[in-house]
Amino acid sequence: RLRHEQPIAVVVDEYGGTAGVVTLEDIIEELVGEVRDEHDAEGAGRPELTAVTAEDGRPAWDAEGSCRVHTLRRGGLDVPDGPYETVAGLVAELLGRIPAPGDRAELPGWRITVRQVGHNRAERVRFTRTGEPLPEPAAPGLLEAAR
């Protein structure tokens, strides 16, 4: 079936040009968080951010490329403002190119390692502490497992 009706809105910028489109689901997700449905990809139920221990014993997070940057910020990670909303976008911005597995970048207190790439974007990324003290989390409990 080629026809599938879904209400959308065209977003117009300050010059009257088209900035993009949004769906009703996009608006709801901005208000209440991620909404899973039958159209979401397989494995969509796994956590976007998981506390792990890196190979060198340091605390780390494994993050999905689709993980929103604001999730990292709520946990106390100092992520600079930029033209991105997801971990995949952050990585591409820091590298200045399409990522490859094994690529590394740095943020204050964190080493970022691209672990998996698909469709020209980072799909799995590891954030590893670099020895500086952990920031106090804005969201209690989010960094507790990484201590």
C-alpha atoms as a PDB file:
ATOM      1  CA  ARG A   1       0.000   0.000   0.000  1.00  0.00           C
ATOM      2  CA  LEU A   2       1.424   3.340  -0.995  1.00  0.00           C
ATOM      3  CA  ARG A   3      -1.163   5.486   0.732  1.00  0.00           C
ATOM      4  CA  HIS A   4      -0.963   5.939   4.437  1.00  0.00           C
ATOM      5  CA  GLU A   5      -2.550   9.051   5.859  1.00  0.00           C
ATOM      6  CA  GLN A   6      -0.755  10.800   8.664  1.00  0.00           C
ATOM      7  CA  PRO A   7      -1.258  14.393   9.742  1.00  0.00           C
ATOM      8  CA  ILE A   8       1.864  16.533   9.308  1.00  0.00           C
ATOM      9  CA  ALA A   9       2.740  20.191   9.678  1.00  0.00           C
ATOM     10  CA  VAL A  10       5.233  22.114   7.573  1.00  0.00           C
ATOM     11  CA  VAL A  11       7.622  24.173   9.705  1.00  0.00           C
ATOM     12  CA  VAL A  12       8.417  27.576   8.232  1.00  0.00           C
ATOM     13  CA  ASP A  13      11.555  29.541   9.163  1.00  0.00           C
ATOM     14  CA  GLU A  14      11.830  33.304   9.683  1.00  0.00           C
ATOM     15  CA  TYR A  15      12.438  33.873   5.957  1.00  0.00           C
ATOM     16  CA  GLY A  16       9.315  32.022   4.888  1.00  0.00           C
ATOM     17  CA  GLY A  17      11.266  28.994   3.678  1.00  0.00           C
ATOM     18  CA  THR A  18      10.569  25.409   4.641  1.00  0.00           C
ATOM     19  CA  ALA A  19      12.537  24.339   7.720  1.00  0.00           C
ATOM     20  CA  GLY A  20      11.082  20.828   7.801  1.00  0.00           C
ATOM     21  CA  VAL A  21       8.011  18.807   8.648  1.00  0.00           C
ATOM     22  CA  VAL A  22       6.730  17.372  11.915  1.00  0.00           C
ATOM     23  CA  THR A  23       4.197  14.675  12.623  1.00  0.00           C
ATOM     24  CA  LEU A  24       1.765  14.407  15.492  1.00  0.00           C
ATOM     25  CA  GLU A  25       4.028  11.682  16.934  1.00  0.00           C
ATOM     26  CA  ASP A  26       7.007  14.110  16.850  1.00  0.00           C
ATOM     27  CA  ILE A  27       5.031  16.673  18.859  1.00  0.00           C
ATOM     28  CA  ILE A  28       3.836  14.109  21.407  1.00  0.00           C
ATOM     29  CA  GLU A  29       7.388  12.759  21.845  1.00  0.00           C
ATOM     30  CA  GLU A  30       8.692  16.272  22.533  1.00  0.00           C
ATOM     31  CA  LEU A  31       6.063  16.672  25.256  1.00  0.00           C
ATOM     32  CA  VAL A  32       6.124  13.257  26.957  1.00  0.00           C
ATOM     33  CA  GLY A  33       9.266  11.472  25.730  1.00  0.00           C
ATOM     34  CA  GLU A  34       9.835   8.553  23.384  1.00  0.00           C
ATOM     35  CA  VAL A  35       6.691   6.758  22.185  1.00  0.00           C
ATOM     36  CA  ARG A  36       7.164   3.237  20.794  1.00  0.00           C
ATOM     37  CA  ASP A  37       4.754   1.885  18.177  1.00  0.00           C
ATOM     38  CA  GLU A  38       4.542  -0.735  15.437  1.00  0.00           C
ATOM     39  CA  HIS A  39       6.521   1.477  13.030  1.00  0.00           C
ATOM     40  CA  ASP A  40       9.621   1.726  15.253  1.00  0.00           C
ATOM     41  CA  ALA A  41      12.691  -0.355  14.386  1.00  0.00           C
ATOM     42  CA  GLU A  42      13.432  -3.777  15.862  1.00  0.00           C
ATOM     43  CA  GLY A  43      15.289  -3.575  19.150  1.00  0.00           C
ATOM     44  CA  ALA A  44      13.777  -0.185  19.835  1.00  0.00           C
ATOM     45  CA  GLY A  45      12.957  -1.279  23.373  1.00  0.00           C
ATOM     46  CA  ARG A  46      16.578  -1.468  24.545  1.00  0.00           C
ATOM     47  CA  PRO A  47      17.845   1.425  26.666  1.00  0.00           C
ATOM     48  CA  GLU A  48      19.421   4.369  24.856  1.00  0.00           C
ATOM     49  CA  LEU A  49      22.040   4.823  27.586  1.00  0.00           C
ATOM     50  CA  THR A  50      23.590   2.010  29.638  1.00  0.00           C
ATOM     51  CA  ALA A  51      26.205   2.272  32.399  1.00  0.00           C
ATOM     52  CA  VAL A  52      29.122  -0.118  31.753  1.00  0.00           C
ATOM     53  CA  THR A  53      32.749  -0.605  32.754  1.00  0.00           C
ATOM     54  CA  ALA A  54      35.285   0.092  30.010  1.00  0.00           C
ATOM     55  CA  GLU A  55      38.082  -2.361  29.173  1.00  0.00           C
ATOM     56  CA  ASP A  56      40.517  -0.299  31.296  1.00  0.00           C
ATOM     57  CA  GLY A  57      38.170  -0.450  34.313  1.00  0.00           C
ATOM     58  CA  ARG A  58      36.951   3.133  34.031  1.00  0.00           C
ATOM     59  CA  PRO A  59      33.255   3.948  34.329  1.00  0.00           C
ATOM     60  CA  ALA A  60      31.575   4.393  30.955  1.00  0.00           C
ATOM     61  CA  TRP A  61      28.246   4.699  29.164  1.00  0.00           C
ATOM     62  CA  ASP A  62      27.209   2.879  26.015  1.00  0.00           C
ATOM     63  CA  ALA A  63      24.814   5.058  24.054  1.00  0.00           C
ATOM     64  CA  GLU A  64      22.620   4.484  21.036  1.00  0.00           C
ATOM     65  CA  GLY A  65      23.265   6.946  18.217  1.00  0.00           C
ATOM     66  CA  SER A  66      19.612   7.954  18.489  1.00  0.00           C
ATOM     67  CA  CYS A  67      20.004   8.889  22.180  1.00  0.00           C
ATOM     68  CA  ARG A  68      19.077  12.548  22.630  1.00  0.00           C
ATOM     69  CA  VAL A  69      21.845  14.878  23.780  1.00  0.00           C
ATOM     70  CA  HIS A  70      19.553  16.290  26.477  1.00  0.00           C
ATOM     71  CA  THR A  71      19.608  12.811  28.089  1.00  0.00           C
ATOM     72  CA  LEU A  72      23.387  13.145  28.457  1.00  0.00           C
ATOM     73  CA  ARG A  73      23.039  16.684  29.804  1.00  0.00           C
ATOM     74  CA  ARG A  74      20.508  15.568  32.417  1.00  0.00           C
ATOM     75  CA  GLY A  75      23.125  13.110  33.601  1.00  0.00           C
ATOM     76  CA  GLY A  76      25.678  15.869  34.081  1.00  0.00           C
ATOM     77  CA  LEU A  77      27.719  15.496  30.882  1.00  0.00           C
ATOM     78  CA  ASP A  78      28.827  18.901  29.582  1.00  0.00           C
ATOM     79  CA  VAL A  79      27.788  18.715  25.924  1.00  0.00           C
ATOM     80  CA  PRO A  80      28.323  21.932  23.947  1.00  0.00           C
ATOM     81  CA  ASP A  81      25.423  23.458  22.044  1.00  0.00           C
ATOM     82  CA  GLY A  82      25.490  22.687  18.355  1.00  0.00           C
ATOM     83  CA  PRO A  83      23.473  21.801  15.278  1.00  0.00           C
ATOM     84  CA  TYR A  84      22.617  18.319  16.579  1.00  0.00           C
ATOM     85  CA  GLU A  85      20.042  16.643  18.806  1.00  0.00           C
ATOM     86  CA  THR A  86      21.401  13.097  19.053  1.00  0.00           C
ATOM     87  CA  VAL A  87      24.620  11.334  20.020  1.00  0.00           C
ATOM     88  CA  ALA A  88      25.153  10.457  16.327  1.00  0.00           C
ATOM     89  CA  GLY A  89      24.925  14.139  15.415  1.00  0.00           C
ATOM     90  CA  LEU A  90      27.286  15.113  18.241  1.00  0.00           C
ATOM     91  CA  VAL A  91      29.872  12.579  17.045  1.00  0.00           C
ATOM     92  CA  ALA A  92      29.622  13.725  13.417  1.00  0.00           C
ATOM     93  CA  GLU A  93      30.032  17.351  14.530  1.00  0.00           C
ATOM     94  CA  LEU A  94      33.065  16.592  16.733  1.00  0.00           C
ATOM     95  CA  LEU A  95      34.746  14.534  13.992  1.00  0.00           C
ATOM     96  CA  GLY A  96      33.781  16.881  11.172  1.00  0.00           C
ATOM     97  CA  ARG A  97      32.972  13.906   8.936  1.00  0.00           C
ATOM     98  CA  ILE A  98      31.037  10.650   8.697  1.00  0.00           C
ATOM     99  CA  PRO A  99      32.258   8.409  11.536  1.00  0.00           C
ATOM    100  CA  ALA A 100      33.969   5.031  11.210  1.00  0.00           C
ATOM    101  CA  PRO A 101      34.207   2.298  13.868  1.00  0.00           C
ATOM    102  CA  GLY A 102      37.062   3.071  16.263  1.00  0.00           C
ATOM    103  CA  ASP A 103      36.979   6.841  15.707  1.00  0.00           C
ATOM    104  CA  ARG A 104      37.606   8.859  18.867  1.00  0.00           C
ATOM    105  CA  ALA A 105      36.744  12.343  20.059  1.00  0.00           C
ATOM    106  CA  GLU A 106      37.005  14.164  23.389  1.00  0.00           C
ATOM    107  CA  LEU A 107      34.701  16.177  25.605  1.00  0.00           C
ATOM    108  CA  PRO A 108      35.783  17.586  28.985  1.00  0.00           C
ATOM    109  CA  GLY A 109      36.192  14.534  31.220  1.00  0.00           C
ATOM    110  CA  TRP A 110      35.113  12.017  28.564  1.00  0.00           C
ATOM    111  CA  ARG A 111      36.640  10.034  25.709  1.00  0.00           C
ATOM    112  CA  ILE A 112      34.113   9.183  23.003  1.00  0.00           C
ATOM    113  CA  THR A 113      34.658   6.018  20.941  1.00  0.00           C
ATOM    114  CA  VAL A 114      32.516   5.019  17.959  1.00  0.00           C
ATOM    115  CA  ARG A 115      31.756   1.315  18.360  1.00  0.00           C
ATOM    116  CA  GLN A 116      29.276   0.673  15.524  1.00  0.00           C
ATOM    117  CA  VAL A 117      28.335   2.571  12.366  1.00  0.00           C
ATOM    118  CA  GLY A 118      25.390   2.059  10.029  1.00  0.00           C
ATOM    119  CA  HIS A 119      23.887   4.132   7.239  1.00  0.00           C
ATOM    120  CA  ASN A 120      26.697   6.725   7.555  1.00  0.00           C
ATOM    121  CA  ARG A 121      25.979   7.471  11.227  1.00  0.00           C
ATOM    122  CA  ALA A 122      27.215   6.309  14.609  1.00  0.00           C
ATOM    123  CA  GLU A 123      24.820   3.641  15.908  1.00  0.00           C
ATOM    124  CA  ARG A 124      26.690   2.723  19.138  1.00  0.00           C
ATOM    125  CA  VAL A 125      29.040   5.048  21.009  1.00  0.00           C
ATOM    126  CA  ARG A 126      30.970   4.620  24.261  1.00  0.00           C
ATOM    127  CA  PHE A 127      31.598   7.566  26.605  1.00  0.00           C
ATOM    128  CA  THR A 128      34.506   6.687  28.947  1.00  0.00           C
ATOM    129  CA  ARG A 129      35.605   8.774  31.962  1.00  0.00           C
ATOM    130  CA  THR A 130      39.111  10.189  31.552  1.00  0.00           C
ATOM    131  CA  GLY A 131      40.014  10.512  35.220  1.00  0.00           C
ATOM    132  CA  GLU A 132      38.520  13.883  36.081  1.00  0.00           C
ATOM    133  CA  PRO A 133      35.918  13.879  38.857  1.00  0.00           C
ATOM    134  CA  LEU A 134      32.367  13.085  37.838  1.00  0.00           C
ATOM    135  CA  PRO A 135      30.055  16.108  37.666  1.00  0.00           C
ATOM    136  CA  GLU A 136      27.123  16.264  40.024  1.00  0.00           C
ATOM    137  CA  PRO A 137      24.156  14.905  38.052  1.00  0.00           C
ATOM    138  CA  ALA A 138      21.180  17.124  37.348  1.00  0.00           C
ATOM    139  CA  ALA A 139      19.023  13.977  37.304  1.00  0.00           C
ATOM    140  CA  PRO A 140      19.613  11.922  40.476  1.00  0.00           C
ATOM    141  CA  GLY A 141      20.499   8.308  39.845  1.00  0.00           C
ATOM    142  CA  LEU A 142      21.517   8.619  36.185  1.00  0.00           C
ATOM    143  CA  LEU A 143      25.246   8.592  36.920  1.00  0.00           C
ATOM    144  CA  GLU A 144      25.101   6.399  40.019  1.00  0.00           C
ATOM    145  CA  ALA A 145      25.840   3.240  38.045  1.00  0.00           C
ATOM    146  CA  ALA A 146      28.818   4.950  36.379  1.00  0.00           C
ATOM    147  CA  ARG A 147      30.523   5.818  39.718  1.00  0.00           C
END
